[in-house]
C-alpha atoms as a PDB file:
ATOM      1  CA  MET A   1      17.865  -9.159  -3.435  1.00  0.00           C
ATOM      2  CA  PRO A   2      14.584 -10.617  -3.029  1.00  0.00           C
ATOM      3  CA  ASN A   3      12.622 -12.998  -5.655  1.00  0.00           C
ATOM      4  CA  GLU A   4       9.489 -10.860  -5.571  1.00  0.00           C
ATOM      5  CA  THR A   5       8.432  -9.134  -8.593  1.00  0.00           C
ATOM      6  CA  ALA A   6       7.663  -5.272  -8.359  1.00  0.00           C
ATOM      7  CA  ILE A   7       4.171  -3.853  -9.578  1.00  0.00           C
ATOM      8  CA  PRO A   8       4.538  -1.223 -11.958  1.00  0.00           C
ATOM      9  CA  LEU A   9       3.126   2.265 -10.314  1.00  0.00           C
ATOM     10  CA  ASP A  10      -0.428   2.831 -11.852  1.00  0.00           C
ATOM     11  CA  PRO A  11      -1.649   6.299 -10.217  1.00  0.00           C
ATOM     12  CA  GLY A  12      -5.339   5.594 -11.527  1.00  0.00           C
ATOM     13  CA  ARG A  13      -5.623   1.643 -10.819  1.00  0.00           C
ATOM     14  CA  LEU A  14      -7.857   1.165  -7.707  1.00  0.00           C
ATOM     15  CA  ILE A  15      -6.951  -1.306  -5.354  1.00  0.00           C
ATOM     16  CA  TYR A  16      -9.777  -3.425  -3.430  1.00  0.00           C
ATOM     17  CA  GLY A  17      -9.547  -4.128   0.027  1.00  0.00           C
ATOM     18  CA  LEU A  18      -7.900  -3.443   3.392  1.00  0.00           C
ATOM     19  CA  LYS A  19      -5.693  -5.960   3.155  1.00  0.00           C
ATOM     20  CA  ALA A  20      -4.216  -5.493  -0.533  1.00  0.00           C
ATOM     21  CA  ILE A  21      -4.070  -1.693   0.730  1.00  0.00           C
ATOM     22  CA  GLY A  22      -1.932  -2.242   3.333  1.00  0.00           C
ATOM     23  CA  SER A  23       0.635  -4.706   1.443  1.00  0.00           C
ATOM     24  CA  ARG A  24       1.050  -1.889  -0.888  1.00  0.00           C
ATOM     25  CA  ILE A  25       1.922   0.179   0.942  1.00  0.00           C
ATOM     26  CA  GLY A  26       3.918  -2.152   3.831  1.00  0.00           C
ATOM     27  CA  LEU A  27       1.123  -2.360   6.392  1.00  0.00           C
ATOM     28  CA  THR A  28      -0.724  -5.315   7.512  1.00  0.00           C
ATOM     29  CA  GLU A  29      -4.361  -5.418   7.363  1.00  0.00           C
ATOM     30  CA  ARG A  30      -5.167  -4.406  10.715  1.00  0.00           C
ATOM     31  CA  GLN A  31      -2.779  -1.422  10.532  1.00  0.00           C
ATOM     32  CA  ALA A  32      -4.641  -0.382   7.583  1.00  0.00           C
ATOM     33  CA  ARG A  33      -8.212  -0.903   8.725  1.00  0.00           C
ATOM     34  CA  HIS A  34      -6.980   1.460  12.008  1.00  0.00           C
ATOM     35  CA  LEU A  35      -5.958   4.385   9.675  1.00  0.00           C
ATOM     36  CA  HIS A  36      -9.070   3.651   7.612  1.00  0.00           C
ATOM     37  CA  ASP A  37     -11.396   4.052  10.678  1.00  0.00           C
ATOM     38  CA  LYS A  38      -9.614   7.015  11.896  1.00  0.00           C
ATOM     39  CA  GLY A  39      -9.828   8.667   8.417  1.00  0.00           C
ATOM     40  CA  ASP A  40      -6.001   9.058   8.149  1.00  0.00           C
ATOM     41  CA  LEU A  41      -5.681   6.941   4.699  1.00  0.00           C
ATOM     42  CA  PRO A  42      -7.197   8.153   1.137  1.00  0.00           C
ATOM     43  CA  THR A  43      -9.586   5.297   1.059  1.00  0.00           C
ATOM     44  CA  ARG A  44     -13.235   5.745  -0.148  1.00  0.00           C
ATOM     45  CA  LYS A  45     -16.082   2.973   0.057  1.00  0.00           C
ATOM     46  CA  LYS A  46     -17.414   1.311  -3.434  1.00  0.00           C
ATOM     47  CA  GLY A  47     -20.223  -0.167  -2.434  1.00  0.00           C
ATOM     48  CA  LYS A  48     -19.383  -2.086   0.456  1.00  0.00           C
ATOM     49  CA  ARG A  49     -15.634  -2.274  -0.566  1.00  0.00           C
ATOM     50  CA  VAL A  50     -13.503  -0.223   0.507  1.00  0.00           C
ATOM     51  CA  CYS A  51     -10.694   0.841  -2.189  1.00  0.00           C
ATOM     52  CA  ALA A  52      -7.638   3.736  -2.651  1.00  0.00           C
ATOM     53  CA  THR A  53      -5.858   4.530  -5.942  1.00  0.00           C
ATOM     54  CA  GLU A  54      -2.037   4.270  -5.916  1.00  0.00           C
ATOM     55  CA  GLY A  55      -1.558   7.412  -6.760  1.00  0.00           C
ATOM     56  CA  ALA A  56      -3.564   8.700  -3.887  1.00  0.00           C
ATOM     57  CA  LEU A  57      -1.539   6.118  -1.545  1.00  0.00           C
ATOM     58  CA  VAL A  58       1.618   7.370  -2.810  1.00  0.00           C
ATOM     59  CA  GLU A  59       0.928  10.893  -1.986  1.00  0.00           C
ATOM     60  CA  TRP A  60      -0.382  10.452   1.153  1.00  0.00           C
ATOM     61  CA  LEU A  61       3.275   8.374   1.815  1.00  0.00           C
ATOM     62  CA  ARG A  62       5.016  11.352   0.414  1.00  0.00           C
ATOM     63  CA  GLN A  63       3.128  13.799   3.134  1.00  0.00           C
ATOM     64  CA  LEU A  64       4.245  11.569   5.839  1.00  0.00           C
ATOM     65  CA  GLN A  65       7.660  11.827   4.782  1.00  0.00           C
ATOM     66  CA  GLY A  66       7.615  15.216   4.199  1.00  0.00           C
ATOM     67  CA  SER A  67       6.479  15.714   7.684  1.00  0.00           C
ATOM     68  CA  ASP A  68       8.583  13.752   9.541  1.00  0.00           C
ATOM     69  CA  SER A  69      11.573  15.837   8.124  1.00  0.00           C
ATOM     70  CA  ASN A  70       9.478  18.934   9.304  1.00  0.00           C
ATOM     71  CA  ASP A  71       9.731  16.887  13.022  1.00  0.00           C
END
């Protein structure tokens, strides 16, 4: 079992920065930036910073899983 401590899910929690967003969903910062730039990640700008809610990221991942099972 990994020694990592799981962070509990809080759907309203804002995650700031593409590095943190990517890390939370298993992507590198570069992968998260690519998806953000394409408009594929549920992110928004807050001032100059990119952020996303955990709830939006979880829903996005669920939709991806659902679309994969339909292929």
